[in-house]
Protein backbone atom coordinates (compact mmCIF):
# COMPACT_ATOMS: atom_id res chain seq x y z
CA MET A 1 56.47 79.44 124.67
CA ASN A 2 57.72 82.95 123.98
CA GLU A 3 54.47 84.47 122.76
CA ARG A 4 54.34 87.66 120.73
CA LYS A 5 51.79 89.53 118.65
CA THR A 6 52.46 87.31 115.64
CA LEU A 7 52.82 83.99 117.51
CA LYS A 8 50.23 83.05 120.10
CA PHE A 9 47.26 80.86 120.97
CA ASN A 10 43.86 82.40 120.31
CA GLU A 11 40.88 82.22 122.66
CA SER A 12 39.87 78.89 121.14
CA GLY A 13 43.26 77.28 121.80
CA HIS A 14 44.52 77.35 118.21
CA LEU A 15 48.11 78.34 117.48
CA ILE A 16 48.27 81.46 115.31
CA ILE A 17 51.40 82.54 113.46
CA GLY A 18 51.45 85.64 111.27
CA GLY A 19 47.68 85.88 111.62
CA VAL A 20 47.12 82.37 110.22
CA LYS A 21 45.98 79.22 112.03
CA ALA A 22 48.83 76.74 112.08
CA SER A 23 46.45 73.83 111.51
CA ASP A 24 45.09 75.54 108.39
CA LEU A 25 48.65 75.77 107.03
CA ALA A 26 49.13 72.07 107.72
CA LYS A 27 45.95 71.24 105.80
CA LYS A 28 46.84 73.50 102.88
CA TYR A 29 50.49 72.57 102.41
CA GLY A 30 50.87 69.27 104.24
CA THR A 31 53.47 68.33 106.83
CA PRO A 32 56.30 68.47 107.70
CA LEU A 33 56.19 72.19 107.00
CA TYR A 34 58.54 75.04 107.82
CA VAL A 35 56.61 78.24 108.59
CA MET A 36 58.35 81.63 108.81
CA ASP A 37 56.91 84.77 110.40
CA LYS A 38 57.92 87.46 107.89
CA ALA A 39 56.91 90.42 110.07
CA HIS A 40 59.07 89.18 112.94
CA ILE A 41 62.09 88.83 110.64
CA ILE A 42 61.62 92.38 109.37
CA ASN A 43 61.07 93.77 112.87
CA VAL A 44 64.27 92.24 114.23
CA CYS A 45 66.31 93.38 111.21
CA LYS A 46 65.06 96.94 111.59
CA ALA A 47 65.60 96.94 115.34
CA PHE A 48 69.21 95.79 114.98
CA ASP A 49 69.87 98.30 112.23
CA ASN A 50 68.35 101.21 114.17
CA ALA A 51 70.23 100.27 117.33
CA LEU A 52 73.56 100.18 115.52
CA LYS A 53 72.97 103.55 113.85
CA SER A 54 71.72 105.30 116.99
CA GLU A 55 74.30 103.85 119.39
CA TYR A 56 77.37 103.79 117.16
CA GLY A 57 76.75 105.44 113.81
CA ASP A 58 78.99 104.18 111.04
CA GLY A 59 78.42 100.48 110.51
CA MET A 60 76.33 97.68 109.02
CA ILE A 61 74.21 94.78 110.18
CA ALA A 62 75.00 91.79 107.95
CA TYR A 63 72.54 88.90 108.12
CA ALA A 64 74.45 85.64 108.68
CA SER A 65 72.69 83.69 106.00
CA LYS A 66 74.02 80.27 107.00
CA ALA A 67 71.15 80.33 109.51
CA PHE A 68 68.55 80.21 106.75
CA SER A 69 69.33 80.71 103.08
CA CYS A 70 66.87 80.90 100.20
CA LYS A 71 65.92 83.51 97.62
CA GLU A 72 63.12 84.98 99.70
CA ILE A 73 65.18 85.65 102.82
CA TYR A 74 67.70 87.62 100.75
CA ARG A 75 64.84 89.63 99.26
CA ILE A 76 63.48 90.37 102.75
CA VAL A 77 66.88 91.29 104.19
CA ASN A 78 67.64 93.54 101.22
CA SER A 79 64.25 95.24 101.55
CA VAL A 80 65.21 96.60 104.97
CA GLY A 81 68.60 97.80 103.75
CA ILE A 82 71.01 95.60 105.67
CA GLY A 83 73.83 93.44 104.30
CA CYS A 84 74.55 89.72 104.50
CA ASP A 85 77.40 87.32 104.92
CA VAL A 86 77.78 84.11 102.96
CA VAL A 87 79.94 81.06 103.62
CA SER A 88 79.80 79.17 100.33
CA GLY A 89 79.48 79.58 96.60
CA GLY A 90 75.93 78.30 96.87
CA GLU A 91 74.86 80.95 99.36
CA LEU A 92 76.55 83.62 97.25
CA TYR A 93 74.84 82.34 94.10
CA THR A 94 71.45 82.42 95.84
CA ALA A 95 71.98 86.01 96.98
CA GLN A 96 73.16 87.03 93.52
CA SER A 97 70.13 85.37 91.92
CA VAL A 98 67.86 88.02 93.49
CA ASP A 99 70.29 90.89 92.84
CA PHE A 100 71.44 91.33 96.41
CA PRO A 101 73.86 94.30 96.40
CA SER A 102 77.43 92.97 96.12
CA GLU A 103 78.76 95.94 98.07
CA LYS A 104 76.90 94.60 101.11
CA ILE A 105 78.14 91.00 100.91
CA ILE A 106 80.89 89.52 103.13
CA PHE A 107 82.38 86.17 102.13
CA HIS A 108 83.45 83.83 104.97
CA GLY A 109 84.73 80.27 105.18
CA ASN A 110 87.70 78.36 106.56
CA ASN A 111 88.25 76.41 103.32
CA LYS A 112 87.05 78.49 100.41
CA THR A 113 87.84 76.70 97.16
CA ILE A 114 89.66 78.34 94.26
CA GLU A 115 86.37 78.26 92.35
CA GLU A 116 84.58 80.03 95.19
CA LEU A 117 87.26 82.71 95.48
CA LYS A 118 87.11 83.37 91.74
CA TYR A 119 83.33 83.54 91.89
CA ALA A 120 83.43 85.96 94.83
CA LEU A 121 85.67 88.26 92.80
CA GLU A 122 83.41 88.00 89.77
CA CYS A 123 80.49 88.99 91.99
CA LYS A 124 82.52 91.89 93.40
CA VAL A 125 81.77 91.10 97.04
CA LYS A 126 82.72 93.86 99.45
CA TYR A 127 84.98 91.84 101.76
CA VAL A 128 86.63 88.44 101.68
CA VAL A 129 87.49 87.25 105.20
CA ILE A 130 90.90 85.56 105.19
CA ASP A 131 91.00 82.41 107.29
CA SER A 132 94.41 80.94 106.39
CA LEU A 133 97.74 82.03 104.94
CA SER A 134 97.37 79.71 101.96
CA GLU A 135 94.00 81.30 101.19
CA ALA A 136 95.60 84.73 101.21
CA GLU A 137 98.28 83.52 98.80
CA ASP A 138 95.71 81.99 96.47
CA LEU A 139 93.48 85.05 96.55
CA ASP A 140 96.37 87.40 95.83
CA PHE A 141 97.39 85.26 92.84
CA ILE A 142 93.83 85.24 91.46
CA CYS A 143 93.52 89.00 91.95
CA GLN A 144 96.85 89.55 90.20
CA ASN A 145 95.66 87.59 87.17
CA LYS A 146 92.42 89.55 87.10
CA GLY A 147 94.16 92.90 87.63
CA ILE A 148 92.14 93.84 90.69
CA VAL A 149 92.71 94.66 94.35
CA GLN A 150 90.30 93.03 96.82
CA ASP A 151 89.38 94.42 100.24
CA VAL A 152 89.94 91.76 102.89
CA LEU A 153 89.51 91.20 106.62
CA ILE A 154 91.50 88.74 108.71
CA ARG A 155 89.58 86.37 110.97
CA VAL A 156 91.15 86.67 114.39
CA ASN A 157 90.62 84.22 117.22
CA PRO A 158 90.52 86.28 120.45
CA GLY A 159 90.32 83.22 122.72
CA VAL A 160 86.98 84.08 124.31
CA GLU A 161 85.31 80.92 125.59
CA ALA A 162 81.57 81.52 125.48
CA HIS A 163 79.47 79.13 127.57
CA THR A 164 77.79 77.17 124.79
CA HIS A 165 78.08 73.65 123.38
CA HIS A 166 81.69 73.04 122.35
CA TYR A 167 80.62 72.35 118.76
CA ILE A 168 79.45 75.95 118.41
CA GLN A 169 82.33 77.63 120.23
CA THR A 170 84.49 79.15 117.52
CA ALA A 171 87.02 81.37 119.26
CA LYS A 172 89.02 78.94 121.38
CA ILE A 173 92.70 78.65 120.55
CA ASP A 174 92.21 75.14 119.08
CA SER A 175 89.35 76.23 116.79
CA LYS A 176 89.50 75.40 113.09
CA PHE A 177 88.60 79.03 112.41
CA GLY A 178 90.92 82.01 112.19
CA PHE A 179 94.30 83.09 113.57
CA ALA A 180 94.79 83.01 117.34
CA ILE A 181 96.10 86.07 119.14
CA ALA A 182 97.54 83.94 121.95
CA ASP A 183 100.07 82.00 119.88
CA GLY A 184 101.18 84.90 117.70
CA SER A 185 99.63 83.56 114.50
CA ALA A 186 97.33 86.58 114.22
CA VAL A 187 100.30 88.98 114.08
CA THR A 188 101.99 86.74 111.52
CA ALA A 189 98.83 86.76 109.41
CA VAL A 190 98.60 90.56 109.50
CA LYS A 191 102.21 90.91 108.40
CA LYS A 192 101.81 88.43 105.58
CA VAL A 193 98.43 89.58 104.25
CA SER A 194 99.41 93.24 104.36
CA SER A 195 102.44 92.47 102.18
CA TYR A 196 100.37 91.30 99.21
CA LYS A 197 99.96 93.94 96.49
CA ASN A 198 96.55 92.74 95.36
CA LEU A 199 94.96 92.44 98.81
CA ASN A 200 93.86 95.55 100.67
CA LEU A 201 93.80 94.62 104.35
CA VAL A 202 91.22 96.98 105.83
CA GLY A 203 90.29 95.30 109.10
CA LEU A 204 89.69 92.40 111.44
CA HIS A 205 86.92 89.92 112.05
CA CYS A 206 86.02 87.65 114.95
CA HIS A 207 83.10 85.41 115.88
CA ILE A 208 83.17 83.90 119.36
CA GLY A 209 80.39 81.32 119.00
CA SER A 210 76.63 80.83 118.87
CA GLN A 211 73.64 80.90 121.21
CA ILE A 212 75.41 83.22 123.66
CA PHE A 213 73.37 85.02 126.31
CA GLU A 214 76.23 86.41 128.41
CA ARG A 215 76.82 90.06 127.51
CA LYS A 216 80.20 89.77 129.22
CA SER A 217 81.45 87.42 126.51
CA PHE A 218 80.92 90.09 123.86
CA SER A 219 82.45 92.77 126.11
CA ILE A 220 85.59 90.65 126.52
CA ALA A 221 85.73 90.10 122.76
CA VAL A 222 85.57 93.87 122.18
CA ASP A 223 88.37 94.43 124.68
CA LYS A 224 90.64 91.75 123.20
CA MET A 225 90.03 92.79 119.60
CA THR A 226 90.66 96.48 120.28
CA ASP A 227 93.81 95.58 122.22
CA PHE A 228 95.02 93.70 119.16
CA TYR A 229 93.87 96.55 116.93
CA LYS A 230 96.07 98.92 118.97
CA GLN A 231 98.96 96.45 119.10
CA ILE A 232 99.08 96.26 115.31
CA ARG A 233 98.98 100.02 114.96
CA ASP A 234 101.77 100.56 117.49
CA SER A 235 104.03 97.70 116.35
CA LEU A 236 103.48 97.64 112.58
CA GLY A 237 102.12 101.11 111.86
CA LEU A 238 98.92 99.72 110.34
CA GLU A 239 95.62 101.33 111.22
CA PHE A 240 92.50 99.43 110.31
CA SER A 241 89.21 100.98 109.28
CA VAL A 242 86.84 98.02 109.74
CA LEU A 243 86.03 95.85 112.75
CA ASN A 244 83.63 92.94 112.29
CA LEU A 245 82.57 91.42 115.63
CA GLY A 246 80.38 88.64 114.24
CA GLY A 247 77.17 87.50 115.88
CA GLY A 248 76.08 84.56 118.02
CA PHE A 249 73.30 86.21 120.00
CA GLY A 250 71.21 83.71 122.00
CA ILE A 251 67.49 83.11 121.45
CA TYR A 252 64.63 81.34 123.22
CA TYR A 253 64.24 77.60 122.67
CA THR A 254 62.86 76.38 126.01
CA ASP A 255 62.01 77.88 129.37
CA GLU A 256 65.65 77.37 130.34
CA ASP A 257 66.35 80.35 128.07
CA LYS A 258 65.42 84.00 128.42
CA LYS A 259 62.28 85.24 126.71
CA TYR A 260 63.35 88.23 124.66
CA THR A 261 61.18 90.75 122.89
CA VAL A 262 62.45 92.41 119.72
CA GLU A 263 63.56 95.35 121.85
CA ASP A 264 65.44 93.03 124.21
CA TYR A 265 67.39 91.63 121.27
CA THR A 266 68.78 95.08 120.50
CA ASP A 267 70.53 95.05 123.88
CA TYR A 268 73.17 92.84 122.27
CA VAL A 269 73.93 95.54 119.71
CA VAL A 270 73.71 98.37 122.23
CA ASN A 271 76.13 96.61 124.58
CA ILE A 272 78.70 95.96 121.85
CA ALA A 273 78.43 99.50 120.49
CA ARG A 274 78.89 101.10 123.90
CA GLU A 275 81.79 98.82 124.83
CA LEU A 276 83.49 99.60 121.54
CA LYS A 277 83.07 103.35 121.98
CA LYS A 278 84.60 103.12 125.46
CA ALA A 279 87.52 101.11 124.11
CA ILE A 280 88.10 103.61 121.31
CA ASP A 281 88.26 106.47 123.79
CA SER A 282 90.41 104.70 126.39
CA LYS A 283 92.88 103.18 123.91
CA GLY A 284 93.09 106.11 121.53
CA ILE A 285 92.38 104.14 118.38
CA LYS A 286 90.67 105.23 115.19
CA LYS A 287 86.91 104.62 115.20
CA PRO A 288 86.31 101.66 112.86
CA TYR A 289 83.35 100.88 110.65
CA LEU A 290 81.49 98.33 112.80
CA ILE A 291 79.93 95.21 111.29
CA LEU A 292 77.76 92.79 113.25
CA GLU A 293 76.51 89.48 111.84
CA PRO A 294 73.35 88.21 113.57
CA GLY A 295 71.69 85.21 111.94
CA ARG A 296 69.89 82.94 114.40
CA SER A 297 68.53 85.95 116.30
CA ILE A 298 66.91 87.28 113.11
CA VAL A 299 65.22 84.11 111.87
CA GLY A 300 65.36 81.61 114.75
CA GLU A 301 62.21 82.47 116.66
CA ALA A 302 60.49 83.53 113.44
CA GLY A 303 60.26 79.90 112.37
CA ILE A 304 58.20 76.94 113.53
CA THR A 305 57.93 73.45 112.06
CA LEU A 306 54.59 71.64 111.82
CA TYR A 307 54.35 67.86 112.04
CA THR A 308 51.55 65.31 112.01
CA VAL A 309 51.57 62.71 114.76
CA GLY A 310 51.68 59.15 113.48
CA ARG A 311 52.42 56.12 115.65
CA ILE A 312 52.42 56.41 119.42
CA LYS A 313 54.47 53.99 121.50
CA GLU A 314 54.00 53.89 125.25
CA ILE A 315 56.53 51.94 127.32
CA LYS A 316 54.85 51.79 130.71
CA GLY A 317 56.80 53.54 133.42
CA ILE A 318 59.68 54.35 131.07
CA LYS A 319 58.91 56.50 128.01
CA ASN A 320 56.16 57.61 125.65
CA TYR A 321 57.20 58.04 122.02
CA LEU A 322 55.23 60.42 119.84
CA SER A 323 56.33 59.64 116.29
CA ILE A 324 56.01 62.37 113.69
CA ASP A 325 56.25 62.53 109.90
CA GLY A 326 59.53 64.46 110.06
CA GLY A 327 62.81 63.86 111.81
CA MET A 328 66.53 64.41 111.56
CA PHE A 329 66.24 64.95 107.80
CA ASP A 330 64.45 68.25 108.42
CA ASN A 331 66.01 69.00 111.83
CA PRO A 332 69.31 67.28 112.70
CA ARG A 333 70.20 69.59 115.58
CA PHE A 334 69.25 67.20 118.40
CA ALA A 335 71.27 64.43 116.78
CA LEU A 336 74.22 66.79 116.29
CA TYR A 337 74.45 68.45 119.68
CA GLN A 338 71.35 67.63 121.73
CA ALA A 339 69.62 70.90 120.95
CA LYS A 340 66.49 71.52 123.00
CA TYR A 341 63.10 72.65 121.70
CA SER A 342 59.64 73.57 122.92
CA VAL A 343 56.76 71.58 121.43
CA VAL A 344 53.11 72.65 121.45
CA PRO A 345 49.88 71.06 120.16
CA VAL A 346 48.52 73.48 117.57
CA ASP A 347 44.82 72.92 118.32
CA LYS A 348 44.88 71.94 122.00
CA GLY A 349 46.05 75.13 123.62
CA LEU A 350 43.21 75.06 126.13
CA GLU A 351 43.97 71.53 127.32
CA LYS A 352 46.28 71.06 130.28
CA PRO A 353 49.46 69.05 129.78
CA SER A 354 49.00 65.61 131.33
CA LYS A 355 51.62 63.43 129.69
CA VAL A 356 55.34 63.54 128.95
CA TYR A 357 56.38 62.55 125.43
CA THR A 358 59.56 62.14 123.44
CA LEU A 359 59.11 63.48 119.93
CA ALA A 360 60.63 60.85 117.65
CA GLY A 361 61.44 61.16 113.95
CA LYS A 362 60.77 58.60 111.24
CA CYS A 363 64.38 57.94 110.21
CA CYS A 364 66.05 54.58 110.82
CA GLU A 365 68.24 55.88 113.63
CA SER A 366 67.76 55.48 117.38
CA GLY A 367 69.14 58.99 117.73
CA ASP A 368 66.47 60.46 115.48
CA ILE A 369 64.83 62.52 118.20
CA ILE A 370 63.49 66.06 117.87
CA ALA A 371 62.67 66.83 121.50
CA GLU A 372 62.55 65.10 124.88
CA ASP A 373 60.42 65.69 128.00
CA CYS A 374 57.58 67.35 126.10
CA ASN A 375 54.69 68.14 128.46
CA LEU A 376 51.58 67.85 126.30
CA PRO A 377 47.91 66.95 126.54
CA VAL A 378 47.04 63.38 125.64
CA MET A 379 47.89 63.15 121.94
CA THR A 380 46.36 60.96 119.27
CA SER A 381 47.39 59.95 115.77
CA GLY A 382 46.58 62.75 113.31
CA ASP A 383 47.15 65.60 115.77
CA ILE A 384 49.39 68.44 114.60
CA VAL A 385 52.28 69.63 116.74
CA ALA A 386 54.53 72.64 116.31
CA VAL A 387 58.20 72.69 117.22
CA LEU A 388 59.12 76.27 118.03
CA SER A 389 62.20 78.35 117.18
CA THR A 390 63.17 76.30 114.13
CA GLY A 391 63.83 79.21 111.79
CA ALA A 392 67.61 78.87 112.07
CA TYR A 393 69.73 75.88 111.03
CA ASN A 394 66.79 73.60 110.27
CA TYR A 395 66.03 74.14 106.60
CA SER A 396 69.72 75.01 106.16
CA MET A 397 70.81 71.61 107.50
CA ALA A 398 68.00 69.57 105.94
CA SER A 399 68.94 66.51 103.90
CA ASN A 400 67.42 63.63 101.97
CA TYR A 401 68.52 61.05 104.53
CA ASN A 402 66.57 57.81 104.03
CA ARG A 403 65.42 59.47 100.79
CA ASN A 404 62.99 61.66 102.67
CA ARG A 405 61.87 64.83 100.95
CA ILE A 406 62.87 68.26 102.28
CA PRO A 407 59.71 70.14 103.35
CA ALA A 408 58.37 73.37 101.91
CA VAL A 409 58.97 76.77 103.47
CA VAL A 410 55.93 79.01 103.84
CA MET A 411 56.01 82.71 104.71
CA VAL A 412 53.12 84.19 106.70
CA GLU A 413 52.29 87.84 107.26
CA ASP A 414 49.10 89.71 108.20
CA GLY A 415 46.88 86.67 107.77
CA LYS A 416 48.29 85.72 104.36
CA ASP A 417 50.60 82.88 103.39
CA TYR A 418 52.74 82.02 100.38
CA LEU A 419 55.38 79.50 99.39
CA ALA A 420 58.98 80.66 99.69
CA VAL A 421 60.46 77.24 98.91
CA LYS A 422 58.51 74.52 97.13
CA PRO A 423 58.33 71.07 98.75
CA GLN A 424 60.55 68.47 97.20
CA THR A 425 58.98 65.72 95.12
CA PHE A 426 60.30 62.18 94.74
CA ASP A 427 61.49 63.25 91.29
CA ASP A 428 63.58 65.96 92.98
CA VAL A 429 65.13 63.34 95.22
CA ILE A 430 66.28 61.17 92.29
CA ARG A 431 66.94 64.02 89.85
CA ASN A 432 70.73 63.64 89.81
CA ASP A 433 70.80 59.86 89.88
CA LEU A 434 72.22 58.12 86.80
């Protein structure tokens, strides 16, 4: 467990998050329950923002809201003055619903629909990131009909292979995202997009993957992107003013990962900023406006999920199943790509682990597992467990599989708690049925 001031066990062995006992939250709101540490979210946002300003100067941190999107997170992110990126009409609509500043919104996506592109223009987003030539053609046509010129970035694939699960590597040459430098498609895209009268090509974007700890991966990305930046200037006479280097910073899930403090997280930003400044000086290119898009690293460790233990199945000498009242409907990440998590008993922090459990969900799937090899005290039905680092991609990926209800999201801060997202009811589940 990566303990911090706002997430720790007290002297009585009770898990405390945001100054509130986790078991008290379970009693008040029921389980499964997503709990988000608001102070930690704010602290990480501010730390990233300060690091970018002090190390580089002209730039913006844009929260990658695919990690966790709801009205309250956009309010929190806006309160600290950073921007956000969105990847769908739904995320954009949610941000707009709480008056998130359009001039700080970046719109991504490899298959934006015509409706979404029109909506993005209506909302006056700052940048649309072009991911295909057909998208550029469609966007130019829409802009022409509306009589506007839209600032755009081109998503470039620099071919940096970060050492993560292949499902979350996004910069390999065979990725569904962006234009590869290696096969010449990135140059073709720049030529084509820059020819459109209603698109103002101001810069480049890349995102090399997720859950990356290796600083070298980001350094290589900076080198490759600035090389391409210079190549375009020298060969086509175009000089960009914006460079968006994405996010993908790794966080703690289990003891196989590094335990970062908020200050440690800023090393990602510091490293990128310093590498970019060196590249600017050595390659003689114009200093771009730098955008970074952390998502998981802002909300990931801020979140935990609380579950109540139900049935316990012990297969002697083979496996012990600890069944919980949640599952892949509130956290599909293990089923998708065998994501690992730490699990703790919220009221048994003083008891020594004496048994190994597999945390099993309640869905009708053999693959509905939340975590394996969980070293816990002897558990009984009715105990509450917390799965740590669930703030990113859990609520975002939640579904009504098996007609289960999506849990509530609760924010905690300074000993107080409040609902950010109401729990679904059965009426919510059937609301659109005819």
